[in-house]
Protein backbone atom coordinates (compact mmCIF):
# COMPACT_ATOMS: atom_id res chain seq x y z
CA MET A 1 174.24 134.78 21.32
CA ALA A 2 173.13 136.23 24.70
CA LYS A 3 169.52 136.42 23.53
CA GLU A 4 169.74 132.82 22.37
CA LYS A 5 171.19 131.77 25.73
CA LYS A 6 168.39 133.54 27.66
CA ARG A 7 165.74 131.80 25.60
CA THR A 8 167.42 128.48 26.19
CA GLU A 9 167.43 129.02 29.97
CA LYS A 10 163.74 129.88 29.85
CA GLU A 11 163.02 126.74 27.93
CA LYS A 12 165.01 124.76 30.44
CA LEU A 13 163.02 126.36 33.27
CA ASP A 14 159.72 125.50 31.56
CA GLU A 15 160.86 121.95 31.04
CA ARG A 16 161.85 121.69 34.70
CA ARG A 17 158.45 123.03 35.80
CA LYS A 18 156.64 120.49 33.63
CA GLU A 19 158.82 117.73 35.03
CA VAL A 20 158.01 118.71 38.64
CA LEU A 21 154.27 118.94 37.92
CA SER A 22 154.34 115.58 36.19
CA LYS A 23 155.99 113.93 39.18
CA GLY A 24 153.50 115.63 41.57
CA LYS A 25 150.55 114.04 39.79
CA LYS A 26 151.95 110.63 40.60
CA PHE A 27 151.56 111.44 44.33
CA LYS A 28 148.29 113.40 44.12
CA TYR A 29 145.99 110.80 42.63
CA PRO A 30 147.20 107.82 44.69
CA MET A 31 146.60 109.92 47.87
CA GLN A 32 143.04 110.74 46.74
CA TYR A 33 142.43 107.07 46.12
CA ALA A 34 143.87 106.20 49.56
CA LYS A 35 141.56 108.73 51.28
CA HIS A 36 138.47 107.38 49.54
CA HIS A 37 139.55 103.86 50.41
CA LEU A 38 140.09 104.80 54.07
CA VAL A 39 136.65 106.47 54.30
CA LEU A 40 135.00 103.42 52.74
CA ILE A 41 136.70 101.06 55.19
CA THR A 42 135.71 103.32 58.12
CA VAL A 43 132.07 103.34 57.02
CA ILE A 44 132.03 99.56 56.61
CA VAL A 45 133.63 98.96 60.02
CA ALA A 46 131.20 101.39 61.68
CA ALA A 47 128.22 99.71 59.99
CA VAL A 48 129.41 96.24 61.01
CA GLY A 49 129.99 97.48 64.57
CA LEU A 50 126.52 99.03 64.71
CA ILE A 51 124.87 95.87 63.39
CA ALA A 52 126.83 93.77 65.89
CA ALA A 53 125.83 96.11 68.73
CA VAL A 54 122.18 95.91 67.71
CA ILE A 55 122.30 92.12 67.55
CA ILE A 56 124.06 91.85 70.92
CA GLY A 57 121.67 94.36 72.49
CA TRP A 58 118.62 92.58 71.05
CA THR A 59 119.91 89.23 72.31
CA MET A 60 120.56 90.55 75.81
CA LEU A 61 117.18 92.28 75.96
CA TYR A 62 114.81 89.84 74.33
CA LYS A 63 116.56 86.47 74.54
CA MET A 64 118.74 86.54 77.65
CA GLN A 65 116.44 89.12 79.31
CA ASP A 66 119.39 90.68 81.10
CA THR A 67 118.34 92.89 84.03
CA GLY A 68 121.82 94.20 84.88
CA ASP A 69 123.07 97.75 85.19
CA VAL A 70 124.45 98.11 81.66
CA ILE A 71 121.25 97.00 79.94
CA TYR A 72 119.16 99.09 82.31
CA ARG A 73 121.20 102.21 81.52
CA LEU A 74 120.83 101.44 77.81
CA THR A 75 117.03 101.22 78.06
CA ARG A 76 116.93 104.53 79.92
CA ILE A 77 118.66 106.15 76.93
CA LEU A 78 116.95 104.25 74.11
CA PRO A 79 113.12 103.98 74.31
CA VAL A 80 112.99 100.29 73.39
CA PRO A 81 109.69 98.49 74.11
CA VAL A 82 109.24 95.41 76.29
CA ALA A 83 105.61 94.95 75.22
CA GLU A 84 102.67 96.58 73.52
CA ILE A 85 99.16 96.81 74.99
CA ASP A 86 96.19 98.18 73.09
CA GLY A 87 98.60 99.85 70.67
CA GLU A 88 100.59 101.54 73.44
CA LYS A 89 104.30 100.78 73.68
CA VAL A 90 105.48 99.66 77.12
CA ARG A 91 108.92 100.98 78.02
CA TYR A 92 111.56 98.39 78.78
CA SER A 93 113.07 100.87 81.24
CA ASP A 94 109.81 101.04 83.22
CA TYR A 95 109.65 97.25 83.43
CA LEU A 96 113.26 97.02 84.65
CA MET A 97 112.78 99.89 87.10
CA ILE A 98 109.81 98.17 88.75
CA TYR A 99 111.45 94.74 88.73
CA ARG A 100 114.79 95.92 90.11
CA SER A 101 113.14 97.93 92.91
CA SER A 102 111.18 94.80 93.91
CA ILE A 103 113.98 92.24 93.77
CA THR A 104 116.71 94.45 95.28
CA PRO A 105 115.43 94.19 98.89
CA VAL A 106 115.27 90.40 98.55
CA GLU A 107 118.81 90.24 97.20
CA ARG A 108 120.25 92.53 99.86
CA GLN A 109 118.43 90.91 102.77
CA GLY A 110 119.17 87.39 101.55
CA SER A 111 115.64 86.33 102.44
CA ALA A 112 114.86 84.22 99.36
CA GLY A 113 115.93 80.90 100.89
CA SER A 114 117.32 78.32 98.47
CA LEU A 115 118.52 79.08 94.94
CA ALA A 116 115.39 77.45 93.54
CA ASP A 117 113.24 79.66 95.75
CA PHE A 118 115.16 82.73 94.61
CA ASP A 119 114.77 81.82 90.93
CA GLY A 120 111.05 81.34 91.47
CA MET A 121 110.84 84.69 93.23
CA LYS A 122 112.64 86.41 90.37
CA ASP A 123 110.17 84.93 87.89
CA TYR A 124 107.30 86.09 90.08
CA TYR A 125 108.60 89.66 90.33
CA LYS A 126 109.34 89.78 86.60
CA ARG A 127 105.74 88.87 85.85
CA GLU A 128 104.49 91.41 88.39
CA ALA A 129 106.76 94.12 86.98
CA LEU A 130 105.71 93.46 83.40
CA THR A 131 102.03 93.56 84.32
CA ALA A 132 102.52 96.79 86.29
CA ALA A 133 104.44 98.41 83.42
CA GLU A 134 101.65 97.46 81.01
CA ASP A 135 99.03 98.94 83.34
CA PHE A 136 101.03 102.16 83.62
CA ALA A 137 101.32 102.35 79.83
CA LEU A 138 97.54 102.02 79.52
CA ALA A 139 97.08 104.72 82.16
CA GLU A 140 99.32 107.01 80.10
CA LYS A 141 97.18 106.32 77.03
CA PHE A 142 93.92 107.01 78.88
CA ALA A 143 95.41 110.15 80.45
CA ARG A 144 96.22 111.57 77.01
CA GLU A 145 92.68 110.84 75.85
CA MET A 146 91.16 112.42 78.99
CA GLY A 147 93.50 115.41 79.05
CA ILE A 148 94.97 114.43 82.42
CA THR A 149 98.53 115.48 83.25
CA VAL A 150 100.95 115.43 86.18
CA SER A 151 103.07 118.51 86.79
CA GLU A 152 106.62 118.70 88.08
CA GLN A 153 105.25 120.52 91.12
CA GLU A 154 102.96 117.58 91.93
CA ILE A 155 105.91 115.20 91.68
CA ASP A 156 107.95 117.50 93.95
CA GLU A 157 105.16 117.54 96.52
CA ALA A 158 104.81 113.75 96.44
CA PHE A 159 108.58 113.37 96.74
CA ASP A 160 108.68 115.66 99.78
CA GLU A 161 105.71 113.87 101.34
CA HIS A 162 107.53 110.56 101.04
CA ARG A 163 110.72 112.15 102.31
CA ARG A 164 108.87 113.19 105.48
CA ALA A 165 107.09 109.84 105.88
CA GLY A 166 106.36 108.83 109.46
CA GLY A 167 106.94 112.33 110.77
CA VAL A 168 110.70 112.10 110.12
CA ASP A 169 111.95 115.12 108.16
CA ARG A 170 114.84 113.46 106.34
CA SER A 171 117.23 115.50 104.28
CA ARG A 172 117.11 114.99 100.54
CA GLU A 173 120.48 113.23 100.64
CA SER A 174 119.37 110.98 103.50
CA PHE A 175 116.15 110.01 101.71
CA LEU A 176 117.98 109.24 98.47
CA LYS A 177 120.37 107.03 100.44
CA VAL A 178 117.39 105.15 101.89
CA LEU A 179 116.02 104.64 98.37
CA SER A 180 119.38 103.45 97.12
CA ASP A 181 120.12 101.15 100.07
CA ASN A 182 116.67 99.57 100.23
CA PHE A 183 115.42 99.61 96.65
CA GLY A 184 118.44 100.38 94.48
CA MET A 185 116.71 103.49 93.10
CA ASP A 186 118.09 106.92 92.31
CA GLU A 187 116.16 110.19 92.28
CA ARG A 188 115.41 110.07 88.56
CA GLU A 189 113.91 106.58 88.86
CA TYR A 190 111.85 107.47 91.91
CA ARG A 191 110.46 110.58 90.24
CA ARG A 192 109.51 108.48 87.22
CA LEU A 193 107.72 106.02 89.50
CA LEU A 194 105.95 108.90 91.23
CA TYR A 195 104.87 110.31 87.87
CA LEU A 196 103.42 106.99 86.72
CA SER A 197 101.68 106.39 90.05
CA LEU A 198 100.17 109.86 90.21
CA LEU A 199 98.98 109.66 86.61
CA LYS A 200 97.36 106.26 87.13
CA MET A 201 95.77 107.50 90.35
CA LYS A 202 94.25 110.51 88.59
CA VAL A 203 92.89 108.39 85.74
CA ALA A 204 91.42 105.79 88.10
CA LYS A 205 89.87 108.43 90.35
CA GLU A 206 88.37 110.32 87.43
CA MET A 207 86.81 107.15 86.02
CA ASP A 208 85.33 105.85 89.27
CA THR A 209 82.45 107.66 91.00
CA GLU A 210 81.08 104.53 92.70
CA ALA A 211 84.28 104.12 94.75
CA LEU A 212 83.80 107.61 96.16
CA GLU A 213 80.25 106.77 97.27
CA ILE A 214 81.50 103.60 99.02
CA ALA A 215 84.33 105.54 100.69
CA GLU A 216 81.83 108.06 102.08
CA LYS A 217 79.78 105.16 103.48
CA VAL A 218 82.91 103.74 105.14
CA GLU A 219 83.51 107.13 106.76
CA GLU A 220 80.00 107.08 108.21
CA LEU A 221 80.44 103.58 109.64
CA LEU A 222 83.88 104.31 111.12
CA ALA A 223 82.54 107.48 112.74
CA GLU A 224 80.11 105.29 114.74
CA ASP A 225 82.53 102.87 116.44
CA GLY A 226 85.80 102.73 114.47
CA SER A 227 85.40 99.00 113.83
CA PHE A 228 86.98 97.83 110.59
CA GLU A 229 85.37 94.43 111.07
CA ARG A 230 81.89 95.95 111.20
CA VAL A 231 82.59 97.88 107.97
CA GLN A 232 83.42 94.58 106.31
CA GLU A 233 80.23 92.99 107.64
CA VAL A 234 78.09 95.81 106.25
CA LEU A 235 79.79 96.37 102.90
CA GLY A 236 81.07 92.86 102.19
CA ASP A 237 83.15 92.50 99.05
CA LYS A 238 82.76 96.17 98.19
CA ILE A 239 85.79 96.75 100.40
CA VAL A 240 88.99 94.80 101.10
CA LEU A 241 90.12 94.38 104.72
CA GLU A 242 93.86 93.67 105.07
CA ARG A 243 96.32 93.21 107.94
CA THR A 244 100.08 93.24 107.75
CA GLY A 245 100.25 90.46 110.36
CA GLN A 246 103.78 91.54 111.16
CA MET A 247 105.95 94.63 111.28
CA VAL A 248 106.84 96.10 107.89
CA SER A 249 109.11 98.95 106.84
CA ARG A 250 107.69 102.46 106.92
CA LEU A 251 108.78 102.65 103.28
CA ASN A 252 107.02 99.41 102.37
CA VAL A 253 105.72 99.41 98.79
CA ASP A 254 102.02 99.17 99.66
CA GLY A 255 100.33 102.15 98.11
CA GLY A 256 101.39 104.50 100.91
CA ARG A 257 99.66 102.68 103.78
CA ALA A 258 102.82 102.10 105.83
CA MET A 259 103.84 105.74 105.52
CA LYS A 260 100.36 106.89 106.51
CA ALA A 261 100.25 104.44 109.45
CA ALA A 262 103.57 105.78 110.73
CA GLU A 263 101.95 109.20 111.20
CA LEU A 264 99.29 107.78 113.54
CA SER A 265 99.12 106.76 117.18
CA ALA A 266 98.22 103.18 118.12
CA GLY A 267 94.50 102.61 117.45
CA GLU A 268 94.14 105.87 115.51
CA ILE A 269 92.44 105.78 112.08
CA SER A 270 93.59 107.86 109.13
CA GLU A 271 91.38 109.99 106.93
CA ARG A 272 90.49 108.68 103.50
CA PHE A 273 93.39 108.88 101.05
CA VAL A 274 94.14 107.68 97.54
CA SER A 275 96.81 105.01 97.21
CA ASN A 276 100.13 105.97 95.67
CA ASN A 277 99.70 103.34 92.97
CA GLY A 278 96.24 104.61 92.08
CA ASP A 279 94.30 101.43 92.80
CA GLY A 280 91.78 102.81 95.28
CA TYR A 281 90.91 104.71 98.44
CA TYR A 282 92.43 103.58 101.75
CA PHE A 283 91.70 103.91 105.45
CA VAL A 284 94.47 102.79 107.81
CA LYS A 285 94.47 101.96 111.54
CA LEU A 286 97.83 101.73 113.27
CA VAL A 287 98.39 98.62 115.41
CA GLU A 288 102.00 99.15 116.45
CA LYS A 289 105.10 101.03 115.38
CA ASN A 290 108.75 101.63 116.21
CA ASP A 291 111.42 103.88 114.73
CA ASP A 292 111.64 101.89 111.49
CA ASP A 293 108.60 99.63 111.13
CA VAL A 294 104.81 99.60 111.50
CA SER A 295 101.97 97.12 111.76
CA TYR A 296 98.53 98.19 110.57
CA VAL A 297 95.03 97.20 109.45
CA SER A 298 93.61 98.78 106.31
CA ILE A 299 90.38 99.11 104.38
CA LYS A 300 90.68 99.41 100.64
CA ILE A 301 87.93 100.62 98.33
CA PRO A 302 89.21 99.56 94.92
CA PHE A 303 88.91 101.74 91.86
CA THR A 304 87.08 99.26 89.66
CA GLU A 305 86.43 101.13 86.42
CA LEU A 306 90.06 101.40 85.36
CA SER A 307 90.64 97.80 86.46
CA LYS A 308 87.65 96.68 84.39
CA LYS A 309 88.93 98.48 81.32
CA ILE A 310 92.37 96.95 81.75
CA GLU A 311 90.90 93.49 82.36
CA GLN A 312 88.73 93.76 79.25
CA ILE A 313 91.71 94.75 77.15
CA ARG A 314 93.70 91.82 78.54
CA LYS A 315 90.92 89.41 77.59
CA GLU A 316 90.72 90.56 73.99
CA GLU A 317 92.83 88.52 71.62
CA GLY A 318 95.81 90.29 70.13
CA LYS A 319 95.61 93.31 72.42
CA ILE A 320 98.85 92.42 74.19
CA LYS A 321 102.17 91.61 72.59
CA GLU A 322 104.98 90.83 75.01
CA TYR A 323 108.50 90.68 73.63
CA ILE A 324 110.01 88.76 76.53
CA GLN A 325 109.06 85.52 78.25
CA SER A 326 107.11 85.74 81.47
CA ASP A 327 105.21 83.51 83.90
CA GLY A 328 108.23 81.34 84.47
CA GLY A 329 109.16 81.10 80.82
CA ASN A 330 105.87 81.14 78.96
CA SER A 331 105.78 83.90 76.38
CA ASN A 332 102.66 86.03 76.70
CA ASN A 333 101.33 87.21 73.38
CA GLY A 334 97.76 87.85 74.36
CA ASP A 335 96.53 84.33 75.09
CA ASP A 336 97.29 84.42 78.79
CA ASN A 337 97.14 87.93 80.14
CA GLY A 338 96.36 87.39 83.80
CA ALA A 339 98.61 88.94 86.40
CA LEU A 340 99.82 86.95 89.36
CA ALA A 341 98.34 87.90 92.71
CA SER A 342 100.40 90.03 95.04
CA PRO A 343 101.57 88.62 98.38
CA GLU A 344 98.96 90.71 100.18
CA GLU A 345 96.17 89.25 98.09
């Protein structure tokens, strides 16, 4: 009887175990299904969110053409193009960097006049910035083909030269504050602009031997009597004679002429130097200066070979594809590739 009772207890225990396992299965499989369902929903929501973000971003970039801080930060992270020229992608971030540094002084000084004038000025600077960004992109392409590079040391040297512009040895923090207050630029942006400018300058200089010959002739003429007007009479349209006509900031965006003029005494003429934006050789004569501003006369010997190459590319159909509207709302897809003239010109 005892043996029979022990067997019966074992059977009861086995039955109980089977019962527990059977009930556990009811919870196990529904939980697996719930997990798969949750993962699927998460993936779908993430995909919808990503698509929505792409659509919103595309609309703000290419339809609304937003130039605000959020979009600018986005373009600095994502290498989205604003245009394509001769097969080279033009960075949206470069376009916005150039535009924002140009329009910021106008906005902060409130010198645009009426709202209509300000809107027209914004359109003008947008066109200028897009053209400049396209030219820089071409310079990058030519530099790769010619094996030309710009080192971090060269950028450091240019940065320090600008920091000490006009004989004022500003601290790094002070100079960055000037950049931020006047142009809305941080150090990373300014170093990018220096890189592009130095690269374009090297490409233009390497391409153009005729400009060097003209610059040497200018040096000979200036050594005789220092007359910029006589240089123009002798060389004609081979050089460009320009005057500020008024006082401008020592940090004026003019290829480095204002900074160079600030280092001179009234009536003194600088040595030949290559413009920061790489468009030619310059000679500068200081007219007047104070602690913040300068007035000067300059001779420019343009680098023509790079300009000719760029102009030829702009004339060829289909070489330029712009993904935003420019020239006051006319989309430029290669049919109208001319850049607007700068205020100095």
